[in-house]
């Protein structure tokens, strides 16, 4: 009888420690600051069209850092292919 009570107390203590650890992790996520947004003046208007090489889905990038070609987005775990870079 005494051993059963000790096992129950030990199980309760372990469960309570797991709860406290999980609550602390979630509390730290809530305190984290989101990353700063880039300044609008630093972005240039672009029109890059990408297509997934696996399924054919398309994506369009309308803003990128000035003077840089943006990195190809990923879809279906593969980098997308640039299909229509437009230049004026």
Protein backbone atom coordinates (compact mmCIF):
# COMPACT_ATOMS: atom_id res chain seq x y z
CA UNK A 1 0.00 0.00 0.00
CA UNK A 2 2.79 2.42 0.89
CA UNK A 3 4.68 1.63 -2.34
CA UNK A 4 1.58 2.32 -4.40
CA UNK A 5 1.20 5.69 -2.72
CA UNK A 6 4.88 6.54 -3.36
CA UNK A 7 4.60 5.52 -7.03
CA UNK A 8 1.49 7.68 -7.39
CA UNK A 9 3.25 10.65 -5.77
CA UNK A 10 6.29 10.17 -8.01
CA UNK A 11 4.12 9.96 -11.15
CA UNK A 12 2.23 13.09 -10.11
CA UNK A 13 5.50 14.97 -9.50
CA UNK A 14 6.90 13.96 -12.91
CA UNK A 15 3.65 14.96 -14.66
CA UNK A 16 3.70 18.32 -12.86
CA UNK A 17 7.33 18.94 -13.92
CA UNK A 18 6.46 18.12 -17.54
CA UNK A 19 3.54 20.57 -17.33
CA UNK A 20 5.75 23.33 -15.90
CA UNK A 21 8.37 22.77 -18.60
CA UNK A 22 5.76 22.94 -21.38
CA UNK A 23 4.18 26.07 -19.89
CA UNK A 24 7.60 27.76 -19.71
CA UNK A 25 8.34 26.94 -23.36
CA UNK A 26 4.98 28.32 -24.51
CA UNK A 27 5.45 31.43 -22.36
CA UNK A 28 8.83 32.06 -24.03
CA UNK A 29 7.21 31.84 -27.49
CA UNK A 30 4.68 34.47 -26.48
CA UNK A 31 7.43 36.86 -25.34
CA UNK A 32 9.49 36.64 -28.53
CA UNK A 33 9.50 39.76 -30.68
CA UNK A 34 8.57 39.32 -34.34
CA UNK A 35 11.32 40.21 -36.83
CA UNK A 36 11.33 43.78 -38.07
CA UNK A 37 9.68 44.50 -41.41
CA UNK A 38 12.06 45.73 -44.12
CA UNK A 39 11.83 49.40 -44.97
CA UNK A 40 9.60 50.00 -48.01
CA UNK A 41 12.25 52.29 -49.52
CA UNK A 42 14.71 49.35 -49.62
CA UNK A 43 12.42 47.25 -51.83
CA UNK A 44 12.16 47.62 -55.58
CA UNK A 45 9.20 46.70 -57.76
CA UNK A 46 9.94 43.53 -59.74
CA UNK A 47 7.91 40.97 -61.66
CA UNK A 48 9.50 37.53 -61.45
CA UNK A 49 7.34 34.50 -62.27
CA UNK A 50 8.28 31.06 -60.99
CA UNK A 51 6.86 27.62 -61.76
CA UNK A 52 7.16 24.43 -59.70
CA UNK A 53 9.05 21.76 -61.63
CA UNK A 54 7.05 18.98 -59.93
CA UNK A 55 3.38 20.06 -60.01
CA UNK A 56 3.34 23.18 -62.19
CA UNK A 57 2.08 25.63 -59.54
CA UNK A 58 3.10 29.22 -60.24
CA UNK A 59 4.18 32.08 -57.97
CA UNK A 60 4.84 35.74 -58.72
CA UNK A 61 7.29 37.94 -56.79
CA UNK A 62 6.40 41.64 -56.96
CA UNK A 63 8.96 43.16 -54.54
CA UNK A 64 12.60 42.35 -53.85
CA UNK A 65 15.64 44.09 -52.38
CA UNK A 66 16.86 46.71 -54.81
CA UNK A 67 19.43 45.38 -57.29
CA UNK A 68 19.00 41.71 -56.30
CA UNK A 69 17.25 38.82 -58.00
CA UNK A 70 15.24 37.09 -55.26
CA UNK A 71 16.03 33.49 -54.38
CA UNK A 72 13.64 31.06 -56.00
CA UNK A 73 10.79 29.99 -53.72
CA UNK A 74 10.37 26.31 -52.93
CA UNK A 75 7.31 24.20 -53.68
CA UNK A 76 6.95 20.42 -53.44
CA UNK A 77 10.31 20.54 -51.62
CA UNK A 78 12.07 21.67 -54.80
CA UNK A 79 13.21 25.13 -55.91
CA UNK A 80 10.86 26.68 -58.44
CA UNK A 81 12.08 27.53 -61.97
CA UNK A 82 12.16 31.15 -63.16
CA UNK A 83 9.92 31.22 -66.22
CA UNK A 84 9.36 34.88 -67.05
CA UNK A 85 11.72 37.55 -65.81
CA UNK A 86 10.29 40.81 -67.08
CA UNK A 87 12.40 43.90 -67.58
CA UNK A 88 11.17 47.27 -68.70
